[in-house]
Amino acid sequence: MPRATNSPASRKRRKRVLKRAKGFRGFRSKLYKYAKDAVRKAQTYEYRDRKKRKGQFRRLWIQRISAGVRAQDLTYSRFIEGLKAASIEVDRKILADLVVHDIAAFNSIVDQAKAALEKKAPATA
């Protein structure tokens, strides 16, 4: 009795890998042996970078907020301290969006944070 290799399943698996490798350069998209490794590596990067993206966006938001508050003669850390003192709970994503699209609203928030800092300063000094 001949050995059964289940070729339909093997062919389907190879086609699936080669389909995922479409667009890769050279034989990494043509030959199964190399495409398999390239696809596995790509999936590793995809998974890892989905997590990294969140931190990258947070850093971008912080840079934008920092640029906005420096125009108002304040540092980012003092601004965040002022927000906490004023009990304003707005996340960094929204604050960064305000800096880009509605600077007047952002400036009013900065003014409130400054006022809270001034109120707080005599208590600690």
PDB file of N, CA and C in Angstrom:
ATOM      1  N   MET A   1       0.840  -1.180   0.000  1.00  0.00           N
ATOM      2  CA  MET A   1       0.000   0.000   0.000  1.00  0.00           C
ATOM      3  C   MET A   1       0.886   1.244   0.000  1.00  0.00           C
ATOM      4  N   PRO A   2       0.607   2.201  -0.913  1.00  0.00           N
ATOM      5  CA  PRO A   2       1.467   3.387  -1.003  1.00  0.00           C
ATOM      6  C   PRO A   2       1.255   4.318   0.194  1.00  0.00           C
ATOM      7  N   ARG A   3       2.285   5.089   0.444  1.00  0.00           N
ATOM      8  CA  ARG A   3       2.252   6.037   1.565  1.00  0.00           C
ATOM      9  C   ARG A   3       1.373   7.238   1.199  1.00  0.00           C
ATOM     10  N   ALA A   4       0.466   7.610   2.084  1.00  0.00           N
ATOM     11  CA  ALA A   4      -0.424   8.750   1.843  1.00  0.00           C
ATOM     12  C   ALA A   4       0.260  10.014   2.377  1.00  0.00           C
ATOM     13  N   THR A   5       0.350  11.050   1.540  1.00  0.00           N
ATOM     14  CA  THR A   5       1.037  12.280   1.947  1.00  0.00           C
ATOM     15  C   THR A   5       0.062  13.424   2.202  1.00  0.00           C
ATOM     16  N   ASN A   6      -1.210  13.200   1.935  1.00  0.00           N
ATOM     17  CA  ASN A   6      -2.226  14.238   2.121  1.00  0.00           C
ATOM     18  C   ASN A   6      -1.860  15.514   1.364  1.00  0.00           C
ATOM     19  N   SER A   7      -1.586  15.352   0.062  1.00  0.00           N
ATOM     20  CA  SER A   7      -1.140  16.500  -0.724  1.00  0.00           C
ATOM     21  C   SER A   7      -2.125  17.654  -0.808  1.00  0.00           C
ATOM     22  N   PRO A   8      -3.435  17.457  -0.812  1.00  0.00           N
ATOM     23  CA  PRO A   8      -4.305  18.649  -0.844  1.00  0.00           C
ATOM     24  C   PRO A   8      -4.081  19.562   0.357  1.00  0.00           C
ATOM     25  N   ALA A   9      -3.906  18.999   1.545  1.00  0.00           N
ATOM     26  CA  ALA A   9      -3.688  19.819   2.736  1.00  0.00           C
ATOM     27  C   ALA A   9      -2.330  20.519   2.662  1.00  0.00           C
ATOM     28  N   SER A  10      -1.312  19.813   2.181  1.00  0.00           N
ATOM     29  CA  SER A  10       0.019  20.412   2.067  1.00  0.00           C
ATOM     30  C   SER A  10       0.002  21.564   1.069  1.00  0.00           C
ATOM     31  N   ARG A  11      -0.654  21.353  -0.065  1.00  0.00           N
ATOM     32  CA  ARG A  11      -0.731  22.391  -1.090  1.00  0.00           C
ATOM     33  C   ARG A  11      -1.481  23.609  -0.556  1.00  0.00           C
ATOM     34  N   LYS A  12      -2.563  23.352   0.185  1.00  0.00           N
ATOM     35  CA  LYS A  12      -3.339  24.458   0.754  1.00  0.00           C
ATOM     36  C   LYS A  12      -2.492  25.266   1.744  1.00  0.00           C
ATOM     37  N   ARG A  13      -1.718  24.558   2.567  1.00  0.00           N
ATOM     38  CA  ARG A  13      -0.857  25.233   3.543  1.00  0.00           C
ATOM     39  C   ARG A  13       0.194  26.084   2.831  1.00  0.00           C
ATOM     40  N   ARG A  14       0.813  25.527   1.783  1.00  0.00           N
ATOM     41  CA  ARG A  14       1.845  26.273   1.051  1.00  0.00           C
ATOM     42  C   ARG A  14       1.257  27.486   0.342  1.00  0.00           C
ATOM     43  N   LYS A  15       0.078  27.307  -0.240  1.00  0.00           N
ATOM     44  CA  LYS A  15      -0.570  28.435  -0.927  1.00  0.00           C
ATOM     45  C   LYS A  15      -0.906  29.552   0.061  1.00  0.00           C
ATOM     46  N   ARG A  16      -1.347  29.158   1.259  1.00  0.00           N
ATOM     47  CA  ARG A  16      -1.702  30.151   2.283  1.00  0.00           C
ATOM     48  C   ARG A  16      -0.467  30.967   2.683  1.00  0.00           C
ATOM     49  N   VAL A  17       0.664  30.304   2.849  1.00  0.00           N
ATOM     50  CA  VAL A  17       1.895  31.001   3.221  1.00  0.00           C
ATOM     51  C   VAL A  17       2.355  31.905   2.083  1.00  0.00           C
ATOM     52  N   LEU A  18       2.322  31.408   0.855  1.00  0.00           N
ATOM     53  CA  LEU A  18       2.768  32.215  -0.279  1.00  0.00           C
ATOM     54  C   LEU A  18       1.851  33.412  -0.512  1.00  0.00           C
ATOM     55  N   LYS A  19       0.568  33.236  -0.212  1.00  0.00           N
ATOM     56  CA  LYS A  19      -0.362  34.363  -0.335  1.00  0.00           C
ATOM     57  C   LYS A  19      -0.020  35.452   0.682  1.00  0.00           C
ATOM     58  N   ARG A  20       0.337  35.060   1.909  1.00  0.00           N
ATOM     59  CA  ARG A  20       0.729  36.038   2.936  1.00  0.00           C
ATOM     60  C   ARG A  20       2.037  36.732   2.576  1.00  0.00           C
ATOM     61  N   ALA A  21       2.899  36.029   1.795  1.00  0.00           N
ATOM     62  CA  ALA A  21       4.212  36.577   1.449  1.00  0.00           C
ATOM     63  C   ALA A  21       4.160  37.440   0.190  1.00  0.00           C
ATOM     64  N   LYS A  22       2.980  37.625  -0.355  1.00  0.00           N
ATOM     65  CA  LYS A  22       2.844  38.431  -1.567  1.00  0.00           C
ATOM     66  C   LYS A  22       3.348  39.842  -1.282  1.00  0.00           C
ATOM     67  N   GLY A  23       4.199  40.365  -2.155  1.00  0.00           N
ATOM     68  CA  GLY A  23       4.742  41.700  -1.959  1.00  0.00           C
ATOM     69  C   GLY A  23       6.127  41.693  -1.341  1.00  0.00           C
ATOM     70  N   PHE A  24       6.564  40.553  -0.797  1.00  0.00           N
ATOM     71  CA  PHE A  24       7.921  40.468  -0.271  1.00  0.00           C
ATOM     72  C   PHE A  24       8.883  40.451  -1.456  1.00  0.00           C
ATOM     73  N   ARG A  25      10.131  40.851  -1.217  1.00  0.00           N
ATOM     74  CA  ARG A  25      11.096  40.963  -2.310  1.00  0.00           C
ATOM     75  C   ARG A  25      11.765  39.628  -2.618  1.00  0.00           C
ATOM     76  N   GLY A  26      12.024  39.416  -3.922  1.00  0.00           N
ATOM     77  CA  GLY A  26      12.796  38.263  -4.375  1.00  0.00           C
ATOM     78  C   GLY A  26      12.134  36.936  -4.095  1.00  0.00           C
ATOM     79  N   PHE A  27      12.963  35.955  -3.764  1.00  0.00           N
ATOM     80  CA  PHE A  27      12.422  34.604  -3.581  1.00  0.00           C
ATOM     81  C   PHE A  27      11.679  34.437  -2.270  1.00  0.00           C
ATOM     82  N   ARG A  28      11.665  35.481  -1.429  1.00  0.00           N
ATOM     83  CA  ARG A  28      10.886  35.396  -0.183  1.00  0.00           C
ATOM     84  C   ARG A  28       9.391  35.376  -0.487  1.00  0.00           C
ATOM     85  N   SER A  29       9.008  35.770  -1.697  1.00  0.00           N
ATOM     86  CA  SER A  29       7.597  35.714  -2.076  1.00  0.00           C
ATOM     87  C   SER A  29       7.319  34.597  -3.072  1.00  0.00           C
ATOM     88  N   LYS A  30       8.365  33.919  -3.542  1.00  0.00           N
ATOM     89  CA  LYS A  30       8.179  32.913  -4.590  1.00  0.00           C
ATOM     90  C   LYS A  30       8.376  31.482  -4.093  1.00  0.00           C
ATOM     91  N   LEU A  31       9.354  31.282  -3.213  1.00  0.00           N
ATOM     92  CA  LEU A  31       9.710  29.934  -2.781  1.00  0.00           C
ATOM     93  C   LEU A  31       9.204  29.691  -1.363  1.00  0.00           C
ATOM     94  N   TYR A  32       8.509  28.587  -1.192  1.00  0.00           N
ATOM     95  CA  TYR A  32       7.864  28.285   0.090  1.00  0.00           C
ATOM     96  C   TYR A  32       8.871  28.253   1.234  1.00  0.00           C
ATOM     97  N   LYS A  33      10.021  27.636   0.993  1.00  0.00           N
ATOM     98  CA  LYS A  33      11.022  27.471   2.056  1.00  0.00           C
ATOM     99  C   LYS A  33      11.398  28.826   2.672  1.00  0.00           C
ATOM    100  N   TYR A  34      11.587  29.824   1.850  1.00  0.00           N
ATOM    101  CA  TYR A  34      12.002  31.140   2.333  1.00  0.00           C
ATOM    102  C   TYR A  34      10.806  31.992   2.751  1.00  0.00           C
ATOM    103  N   ALA A  35       9.704  31.811   2.047  1.00  0.00           N
ATOM    104  CA  ALA A  35       8.489  32.579   2.369  1.00  0.00           C
ATOM    105  C   ALA A  35       7.985  32.210   3.761  1.00  0.00           C
ATOM    106  N   LYS A  36       8.111  30.944   4.125  1.00  0.00           N
ATOM    107  CA  LYS A  36       7.645  30.480   5.430  1.00  0.00           C
ATOM    108  C   LYS A  36       8.351  31.247   6.553  1.00  0.00           C
ATOM    109  N   ASP A  37       9.669  31.379   6.452  1.00  0.00           N
ATOM    110  CA  ASP A  37      10.430  32.102   7.475  1.00  0.00           C
ATOM    111  C   ASP A  37      10.082  33.591   7.464  1.00  0.00           C
ATOM    112  N   ALA A  38       9.935  34.159   6.264  1.00  0.00           N
ATOM    113  CA  ALA A  38       9.640  35.586   6.151  1.00  0.00           C
ATOM    114  C   ALA A  38       8.276  35.904   6.749  1.00  0.00           C
ATOM    115  N   VAL A  39       7.296  35.040   6.501  1.00  0.00           N
ATOM    116  CA  VAL A  39       5.947  35.258   7.026  1.00  0.00           C
ATOM    117  C   VAL A  39       5.944  35.121   8.543  1.00  0.00           C
ATOM    118  N   ARG A  40       6.656  34.132   9.061  1.00  0.00           N
ATOM    119  CA  ARG A  40       6.721  33.961  10.519  1.00  0.00           C
ATOM    120  C   ARG A  40       7.351  35.188  11.176  1.00  0.00           C
ATOM    121  N   LYS A  41       8.412  35.720  10.573  1.00  0.00           N
ATOM    122  CA  LYS A  41       9.077  36.908  11.096  1.00  0.00           C
ATOM    123  C   LYS A  41       8.135  38.117  11.031  1.00  0.00           C
ATOM    124  N   ALA A  42       7.417  38.233   9.905  1.00  0.00           N
ATOM    125  CA  ALA A  42       6.486  39.359   9.741  1.00  0.00           C
ATOM    126  C   ALA A  42       5.379  39.313  10.777  1.00  0.00           C
ATOM    127  N   GLN A  43       4.868  38.110  11.061  1.00  0.00           N
ATOM    128  CA  GLN A  43       3.823  37.984  12.068  1.00  0.00           C
ATOM    129  C   GLN A  43       4.337  38.349  13.448  1.00  0.00           C
ATOM    130  N   THR A  44       5.589  38.022  13.732  1.00  0.00           N
ATOM    131  CA  THR A  44       6.195  38.393  15.017  1.00  0.00           C
ATOM    132  C   THR A  44       6.253  39.907  15.150  1.00  0.00           C
ATOM    133  N   TYR A  45       6.700  40.580  14.083  1.00  0.00           N
ATOM    134  CA  TYR A  45       6.782  42.042  14.100  1.00  0.00           C
ATOM    135  C   TYR A  45       5.392  42.665  14.216  1.00  0.00           C
ATOM    136  N   GLU A  46       4.417  42.095  13.505  1.00  0.00           N
ATOM    137  CA  GLU A  46       3.044  42.618  13.566  1.00  0.00           C
ATOM    138  C   GLU A  46       2.521  42.602  14.996  1.00  0.00           C
ATOM    139  N   TYR A  47       2.684  41.476  15.664  1.00  0.00           N
ATOM    140  CA  TYR A  47       2.175  41.328  17.023  1.00  0.00           C
ATOM    141  C   TYR A  47       2.882  42.299  17.968  1.00  0.00           C
ATOM    142  N   ARG A  48       4.204  42.332  17.886  1.00  0.00           N
ATOM    143  CA  ARG A  48       4.988  43.192  18.772  1.00  0.00           C
ATOM    144  C   ARG A  48       4.654  44.668  18.543  1.00  0.00           C
ATOM    145  N   ASP A  49       4.534  45.055  17.285  1.00  0.00           N
ATOM    146  CA  ASP A  49       4.365  46.472  16.972  1.00  0.00           C
ATOM    147  C   ASP A  49       2.946  46.961  17.209  1.00  0.00           C
ATOM    148  N   ARG A  50       1.971  46.063  17.307  1.00  0.00           N
ATOM    149  CA  ARG A  50       0.633  46.502  17.726  1.00  0.00           C
ATOM    150  C   ARG A  50       0.693  47.019  19.146  1.00  0.00           C
ATOM    151  N   LYS A  51       1.532  46.415  19.958  1.00  0.00           N
ATOM    152  CA  LYS A  51       1.705  46.881  21.337  1.00  0.00           C
ATOM    153  C   LYS A  51       2.522  48.175  21.372  1.00  0.00           C
ATOM    154  N   LYS A  52       3.570  48.238  20.554  1.00  0.00           N
ATOM    155  CA  LYS A  52       4.452  49.403  20.532  1.00  0.00           C
ATOM    156  C   LYS A  52       3.732  50.660  20.061  1.00  0.00           C
ATOM    157  N   ARG A  53       2.785  50.484  19.134  1.00  0.00           N
ATOM    158  CA  ARG A  53       2.101  51.634  18.536  1.00  0.00           C
ATOM    159  C   ARG A  53       1.430  52.503  19.593  1.00  0.00           C
ATOM    160  N   LYS A  54       0.909  51.870  20.635  1.00  0.00           N
ATOM    161  CA  LYS A  54       0.212  52.620  21.682  1.00  0.00           C
ATOM    162  C   LYS A  54       1.171  53.569  22.395  1.00  0.00           C
ATOM    163  N   GLY A  55       2.382  53.100  22.684  1.00  0.00           N
ATOM    164  CA  GLY A  55       3.377  53.945  23.324  1.00  0.00           C
ATOM    165  C   GLY A  55       3.864  55.056  22.410  1.00  0.00           C
ATOM    166  N   GLN A  56       3.974  54.743  21.103  1.00  0.00           N
ATOM    167  CA  GLN A  56       4.421  55.751  20.143  1.00  0.00           C
ATOM    168  C   GLN A  56       3.408  56.888  20.044  1.00  0.00           C
ATOM    169  N   PHE A  57       2.130  56.537  20.040  1.00  0.00           N
ATOM    170  CA  PHE A  57       1.114  57.583  19.990  1.00  0.00           C
ATOM    171  C   PHE A  57       1.130  58.420  21.261  1.00  0.00           C
ATOM    172  N   ARG A  58       1.318  57.783  22.412  1.00  0.00           N
ATOM    173  CA  ARG A  58       1.378  58.534  23.666  1.00  0.00           C
ATOM    174  C   ARG A  58       2.528  59.540  23.633  1.00  0.00           C
ATOM    175  N   ARG A  59       3.701  59.103  23.135  1.00  0.00           N
ATOM    176  CA  ARG A  59       4.843  60.021  23.029  1.00  0.00           C
ATOM    177  C   ARG A  59       4.541  61.185  22.088  1.00  0.00           C
ATOM    178  N   LEU A  60       3.849  60.904  20.979  1.00  0.00           N
ATOM    179  CA  LEU A  60       3.473  61.968  20.039  1.00  0.00           C
ATOM    180  C   LEU A  60       2.538  62.968  20.705  1.00  0.00           C
ATOM    181  N   TRP A  61       1.535  62.464  21.433  1.00  0.00           N
ATOM    182  CA  TRP A  61       0.588  63.358  22.111  1.00  0.00           C
ATOM    183  C   TRP A  61       1.312  64.234  23.123  1.00  0.00           C
ATOM    184  N   ILE A  62       2.239  63.639  23.865  1.00  0.00           N
ATOM    185  CA  ILE A  62       2.969  64.400  24.874  1.00  0.00           C
ATOM    186  C   ILE A  62       3.804  65.494  24.219  1.00  0.00           C
ATOM    187  N   GLN A  63       4.425  65.200  23.079  1.00  0.00           N
ATOM    188  CA  GLN A  63       5.211  66.219  22.371  1.00  0.00           C
ATOM    189  C   GLN A  63       4.325  67.375  21.922  1.00  0.00           C
ATOM    190  N   ARG A  64       3.149  67.052  21.408  1.00  0.00           N
ATOM    191  CA  ARG A  64       2.238  68.106  20.946  1.00  0.00           C
ATOM    192  C   ARG A  64       1.747  68.966  22.102  1.00  0.00           C
ATOM    193  N   ILE A  65       1.391  68.319  23.206  1.00  0.00           N
ATOM    194  CA  ILE A  65       0.924  69.062  24.380  1.00  0.00           C
ATOM    195  C   ILE A  65       2.049  69.947  24.906  1.00  0.00           C
ATOM    196  N   SER A  66       3.249  69.395  24.956  1.00  0.00           N
ATOM    197  CA  SER A  66       4.396  70.137  25.454  1.00  0.00           C
ATOM    198  C   SER A  66       4.647  71.379  24.604  1.00  0.00           C
ATOM    199  N   ALA A  67       4.548  71.239  23.296  1.00  0.00           N
ATOM    200  CA  ALA A  67       4.738  72.399  22.406  1.00  0.00           C
ATOM    201  C   ALA A  67       3.656  73.442  22.662  1.00  0.00           C
ATOM    202  N   GLY A  68       2.427  72.980  22.891  1.00  0.00           N
ATOM    203  CA  GLY A  68       1.324  73.910  23.149  1.00  0.00           C
ATOM    204  C   GLY A  68       1.473  74.652  24.459  1.00  0.00           C
ATOM    205  N   VAL A  69       1.920  73.973  25.511  1.00  0.00           N
ATOM    206  CA  VAL A  69       2.035  74.645  26.813  1.00  0.00           C
ATOM    207  C   VAL A  69       3.286  75.506  26.893  1.00  0.00           C
ATOM    208  N   ARG A  70       4.326  75.170  26.152  1.00  0.00           N
ATOM    209  CA  ARG A  70       5.525  76.015  26.147  1.00  0.00           C
ATOM    210  C   ARG A  70       5.228  77.367  25.508  1.00  0.00           C
ATOM    211  N   ALA A  71       4.278  77.396  24.585  1.00  0.00           N
ATOM    212  CA  ALA A  71       3.868  78.677  24.001  1.00  0.00           C
ATOM    213  C   ALA A  71       3.176  79.547  25.057  1.00  0.00           C
ATOM    214  N   GLN A  72       2.676  78.913  26.113  1.00  0.00           N
ATOM    215  CA  GLN A  72       2.009  79.629  27.209  1.00  0.00           C
ATOM    216  C   GLN A  72       2.930  79.789  28.421  1.00  0.00           C
ATOM    217  N   ASP A  73       4.243  79.632  28.220  1.00  0.00           N
ATOM    218  CA  ASP A  73       5.249  79.779  29.281  1.00  0.00           C
ATOM    219  C   ASP A  73       5.037  78.812  30.440  1.00  0.00           C
ATOM    220  N   LEU A  74       4.884  77.544  30.110  1.00  0.00           N
ATOM    221  CA  LEU A  74       4.692  76.514  31.113  1.00  0.00           C
ATOM    222  C   LEU A  74       5.350  75.240  30.595  1.00  0.00           C
ATOM    223  N   THR A  75       5.798  74.383  31.502  1.00  0.00           N
ATOM    224  CA  THR A  75       6.362  73.112  31.052  1.00  0.00           C
ATOM    225  C   THR A  75       5.267  72.045  31.095  1.00  0.00           C
ATOM    226  N   TYR A  76       5.526  70.955  30.407  1.00  0.00           N
ATOM    227  CA  TYR A  76       4.548  69.865  30.343  1.00  0.00           C
ATOM    228  C   TYR A  76       4.248  69.308  31.730  1.00  0.00           C
ATOM    229  N   SER A  77       5.298  69.068  32.510  1.00  0.00           N
ATOM    230  CA  SER A  77       5.080  68.440  33.820  1.00  0.00           C
ATOM    231  C   SER A  77       4.300  69.367  34.757  1.00  0.00           C
ATOM    232  N   ARG A  78       4.605  70.661  34.705  1.00  0.00           N
ATOM    233  CA  ARG A  78       3.858  71.617  35.534  1.00  0.00           C
ATOM    234  C   ARG A  78       2.406  71.713  35.056  1.00  0.00           C
ATOM    235  N   PHE A  79       2.196  71.606  33.759  1.00  0.00           N
ATOM    236  CA  PHE A  79       0.836  71.637  33.204  1.00  0.00           C
ATOM    237  C   PHE A  79       0.021  70.460  33.717  1.00  0.00           C
ATOM    238  N   ILE A  80       0.604  69.267  33.674  1.00  0.00           N
ATOM    239  CA  ILE A  80      -0.096  68.065  34.149  1.00  0.00           C
ATOM    240  C   ILE A  80      -0.373  68.187  35.653  1.00  0.00           C
ATOM    241  N   GLU A  81       0.585  68.739  36.388  1.00  0.00           N
ATOM    242  CA  GLU A  81       0.379  68.969  37.819  1.00  0.00           C
ATOM    243  C   GLU A  81      -0.779  69.942  38.037  1.00  0.00           C
ATOM    244  N   GLY A  82      -0.850  70.986  37.211  1.00  0.00           N
ATOM    245  CA  GLY A  82      -1.944  71.953  37.307  1.00  0.00           C
ATOM    246  C   GLY A  82      -3.294  71.340  36.978  1.00  0.00           C
ATOM    247  N   LEU A  83      -3.312  70.445  35.984  1.00  0.00           N
ATOM    248  CA  LEU A  83      -4.567  69.761  35.633  1.00  0.00           C
ATOM    249  C   LEU A  83      -5.066  68.920  36.813  1.00  0.00           C
ATOM    250  N   LYS A  84      -4.147  68.210  37.457  1.00  0.00           N
ATOM    251  CA  LYS A  84      -4.530  67.388  38.601  1.00  0.00           C
ATOM    252  C   LYS A  84      -5.031  68.266  39.747  1.00  0.00           C
ATOM    253  N   ALA A  85      -4.363  69.421  39.966  1.00  0.00           N
ATOM    254  CA  ALA A  85      -4.767  70.332  41.040  1.00  0.00           C
ATOM    255  C   ALA A  85      -6.131  70.944  40.755  1.00  0.00           C
ATOM    256  N   ALA A  86      -6.426  71.183  39.471  1.00  0.00           N
ATOM    257  CA  ALA A  86      -7.707  71.771  39.084  1.00  0.00           C
ATOM    258  C   ALA A  86      -8.796  70.718  38.919  1.00  0.00           C
ATOM    259  N   SER A  87      -8.450  69.457  39.132  1.00  0.00           N
ATOM    260  CA  SER A  87      -9.388  68.326  38.968  1.00  0.00           C
ATOM    261  C   SER A  87      -9.976  68.267  37.560  1.00  0.00           C
ATOM    262  N   ILE A  88      -9.132  68.504  36.571  1.00  0.00           N
ATOM    263  CA  ILE A  88      -9.545  68.393  35.161  1.00  0.00           C
ATOM    264  C   ILE A  88      -9.057  67.047  34.660  1.00  0.00           C
ATOM    265  N   GLU A  89      -9.991  66.203  34.265  1.00  0.00           N
ATOM    266  CA  GLU A  89      -9.644  64.878  33.781  1.00  0.00           C
ATOM    267  C   GLU A  89      -9.872  64.797  32.280  1.00  0.00           C
ATOM    268  N   VAL A  90      -8.844  65.169  31.530  1.00  0.00           N
ATOM    269  CA  VAL A  90      -8.873  65.061  30.071  1.00  0.00           C
ATOM    270  C   VAL A  90      -7.633  64.275  29.686  1.00  0.00           C
ATOM    271  N   ASP A  91      -7.813  63.255  28.860  1.00  0.00           N
ATOM    272  CA  ASP A  91      -6.644  62.443  28.524  1.00  0.00           C
ATOM    273  C   ASP A  91      -5.759  63.120  27.486  1.00  0.00           C
ATOM    274  N   ARG A  92      -4.565  62.580  27.326  1.00  0.00           N
ATOM    275  CA  ARG A  92      -3.563  63.204  26.485  1.00  0.00           C
ATOM    276  C   ARG A  92      -3.974  63.234  25.019  1.00  0.00           C
ATOM    277  N   LYS A  93      -4.709  62.235  24.591  1.00  0.00           N
ATOM    278  CA  LYS A  93      -5.155  62.192  23.194  1.00  0.00           C
ATOM    279  C   LYS A  93      -6.043  63.396  22.886  1.00  0.00           C
ATOM    280  N   ILE A  94      -6.977  63.678  23.761  1.00  0.00           N
ATOM    281  CA  ILE A  94      -7.894  64.805  23.564  1.00  0.00           C
ATOM    282  C   ILE A  94      -7.142  66.128  23.658  1.00  0.00           C
ATOM    283  N   LEU A  95      -6.231  66.233  24.634  1.00  0.00           N
ATOM    284  CA  LEU A  95      -5.448  67.461  24.773  1.00  0.00           C
ATOM    285  C   LEU A  95      -4.623  67.728  23.517  1.00  0.00           C
ATOM    286  N   ALA A  96      -3.990  66.690  22.970  1.00  0.00           N
ATOM    287  CA  ALA A  96      -3.190  66.848  21.758  1.00  0.00           C
ATOM    288  C   ALA A  96      -4.070  67.256  20.582  1.00  0.00           C
ATOM    289  N   ASP A  97      -5.274  66.708  20.517  1.00  0.00           N
ATOM    290  CA  ASP A  97      -6.210  67.076  19.458  1.00  0.00           C
ATOM    291  C   ASP A  97      -6.624  68.538  19.593  1.00  0.00           C
ATOM    292  N   LEU A  98      -6.817  68.994  20.820  1.00  0.00           N
ATOM    293  CA  LEU A  98      -7.167  70.400  21.042  1.00  0.00           C
ATOM    294  C   LEU A  98      -6.022  71.319  20.622  1.00  0.00           C
ATOM    295  N   VAL A  99      -4.792  70.929  20.891  1.00  0.00           N
ATOM    296  CA  VAL A  99      -3.639  71.746  20.493  1.00  0.00           C
ATOM    297  C   VAL A  99      -3.627  71.933  18.983  1.00  0.00           C
ATOM    298  N   VAL A 100      -3.933  70.875  18.255  1.00  0.00           N
ATOM    299  CA  VAL A 100      -3.859  70.929  16.796  1.00  0.00           C
ATOM    300  C   VAL A 100      -5.077  71.645  16.193  1.00  0.00           C
ATOM    301  N   HIS A 101      -6.277  71.362  16.715  1.00  0.00           N
ATOM    302  CA  HIS A 101      -7.488  71.830  16.038  1.00  0.00           C
ATOM    303  C   HIS A 101      -8.215  72.992  16.721  1.00  0.00           C
ATOM    304  N   ASP A 102      -8.085  73.139  18.030  1.00  0.00           N
ATOM    305  CA  ASP A 102      -8.841  74.190  18.730  1.00  0.00           C
ATOM    306  C   ASP A 102      -7.952  74.799  19.812  1.00  0.00           C
ATOM    307  N   ILE A 103      -7.047  75.676  19.380  1.00  0.00           N
ATOM    308  CA  ILE A 103      -6.050  76.221  20.295  1.00  0.00           C
ATOM    309  C   ILE A 103      -6.689  77.109  21.361  1.00  0.00           C
ATOM    310  N   ALA A 104      -7.809  77.744  21.054  1.00  0.00           N
ATOM    311  CA  ALA A 104      -8.466  78.618  22.037  1.00  0.00           C
ATOM    312  C   ALA A 104      -8.959  77.795  23.234  1.00  0.00           C
ATOM    313  N   ALA A 105      -9.569  76.656  22.959  1.00  0.00           N
ATOM    314  CA  ALA A 105     -10.050  75.788  24.039  1.00  0.00           C
ATOM    315  C   ALA A 105      -8.868  75.261  24.858  1.00  0.00           C
ATOM    316  N   PHE A 106      -7.792  74.917  24.171  1.00  0.00           N
ATOM    317  CA  PHE A 106      -6.605  74.424  24.872  1.00  0.00           C
ATOM    318  C   PHE A 106      -6.026  75.520  25.768  1.00  0.00           C
ATOM    319  N   ASN A 107      -5.974  76.746  25.263  1.00  0.00           N
ATOM    320  CA  ASN A 107      -5.429  77.845  26.059  1.00  0.00           C
ATOM    321  C   ASN A 107      -6.272  78.103  27.308  1.00  0.00           C
ATOM    322  N   SER A 108      -7.576  77.928  27.201  1.00  0.00           N
ATOM    323  CA  SER A 108      -8.412  78.110  28.392  1.00  0.00           C
ATOM    324  C   SER A 108      -8.134  77.027  29.436  1.00  0.00           C
ATOM    325  N   ILE A 109      -7.864  75.813  28.976  1.00  0.00           N
ATOM    326  CA  ILE A 109      -7.500  74.733  29.900  1.00  0.00           C
ATOM    327  C   ILE A 109      -6.154  75.049  30.563  1.00  0.00           C
ATOM    328  N   VAL A 110      -5.212  75.575  29.759  1.00  0.00           N
ATOM    329  CA  VAL A 110      -3.908  75.943  30.312  1.00  0.00           C
ATOM    330  C   VAL A 110      -4.068  77.030  31.369  1.00  0.00           C
ATOM    331  N   ASP A 111      -4.931  78.001  31.108  1.00  0.00           N
ATOM    332  CA  ASP A 111      -5.173  79.078  32.080  1.00  0.00           C
ATOM    333  C   ASP A 111      -5.739  78.517  33.389  1.00  0.00           C
ATOM    334  N   GLN A 112      -6.657  77.570  33.284  1.00  0.00           N
ATOM    335  CA  GLN A 112      -7.221  76.947  34.488  1.00  0.00           C
ATOM    336  C   GLN A 112      -6.146  76.195  35.266  1.00  0.00           C
ATOM    337  N   ALA A 113      -5.253  75.503  34.531  1.00  0.00           N
ATOM    338  CA  ALA A 113      -4.171  74.764  35.190  1.00  0.00           C
ATOM    339  C   ALA A 113      -3.213  75.736  35.868  1.00  0.00           C
ATOM    340  N   LYS A 114      -2.922  76.858  35.214  1.00  0.00           N
ATOM    341  CA  LYS A 114      -2.038  77.869  35.815  1.00  0.00           C
ATOM    342  C   LYS A 114      -2.660  78.427  37.096  1.00  0.00           C
ATOM    343  N   ALA A 115      -3.949  78.723  37.037  1.00  0.00           N
ATOM    344  CA  ALA A 115      -4.639  79.260  38.221  1.00  0.00           C
ATOM    345  C   ALA A 115      -4.596  78.259  39.368  1.00  0.00           C
ATOM    346  N   ALA A 116      -4.781  76.995  39.073  1.00  0.00           N
ATOM    347  CA  ALA A 116      -4.736  75.964  40.111  1.00  0.00           C
ATOM    348  C   ALA A 116      -3.333  75.854  40.696  1.00  0.00           C
ATOM    349  N   LEU A 117      -2.317  76.015  39.853  1.00  0.00           N
ATOM    350  CA  LEU A 117      -0.940  75.967  40.345  1.00  0.00           C
ATOM    351  C   LEU A 117      -0.646  77.148  41.269  1.00  0.00           C
ATOM    352  N   GLU A 118      -1.135  78.326  40.895  1.00  0.00           N
ATOM    353  CA  GLU A 118      -0.907  79.512  41.727  1.00  0.00           C
ATOM    354  C   GLU A 118      -1.609  79.391  43.082  1.00  0.00           C
ATOM    355  N   LYS A 119      -2.792  78.822  43.047  1.00  0.00           N
ATOM    356  CA  LYS A 119      -3.549  78.589  44.282  1.00  0.00           C
ATOM    357  C   LYS A 119      -2.828  77.568  45.168  1.00  0.00           C
ATOM    358  N   LYS A 120      -2.210  76.582  44.528  1.00  0.00           N
ATOM    359  CA  LYS A 120      -1.547  75.509  45.241  1.00  0.00           C
ATOM    360  C   LYS A 120      -0.196  75.976  45.831  1.00  0.00           C
ATOM    361  N   ALA A 121       0.498  76.865  45.151  1.00  0.00           N
ATOM    362  CA  ALA A 121       1.853  77.266  45.530  1.00  0.00           C
ATOM    363  C   ALA A 121       1.951  77.855  46.941  1.00  0.00           C
ATOM    364  N   PRO A 122       1.079  78.774  47.373  1.00  0.00           N
ATOM    365  CA  PRO A 122       1.236  79.320  48.717  1.00  0.00           C
ATOM    366  C   PRO A 122       1.040  78.268  49.815  1.00  0.00           C
ATOM    367  N   ALA A 123       0.248  77.258  49.566  1.00  0.00           N
ATOM    368  CA  ALA A 123       0.000  76.219  50.575  1.00  0.00           C
ATOM    369  C   ALA A 123       1.271  75.400  50.838  1.00  0.00           C
ATOM    370  N   THR A 124       2.060  75.160  49.784  1.00  0.00           N
ATOM    371  CA  THR A 124       3.262  74.349  49.949  1.00  0.00           C
ATOM    372  C   THR A 124       4.462  75.179  50.410  1.00  0.00           C
ATOM    373  N   ALA A 125       4.450  76.510  50.153  1.00  0.00           N
ATOM    374  CA  ALA A 125       5.610  77.355  50.497  1.00  0.00           C
ATOM    375  C   ALA A 125       5.579  77.833  51.921  1.00  0.00           C
TER     376      ALA A 125
END
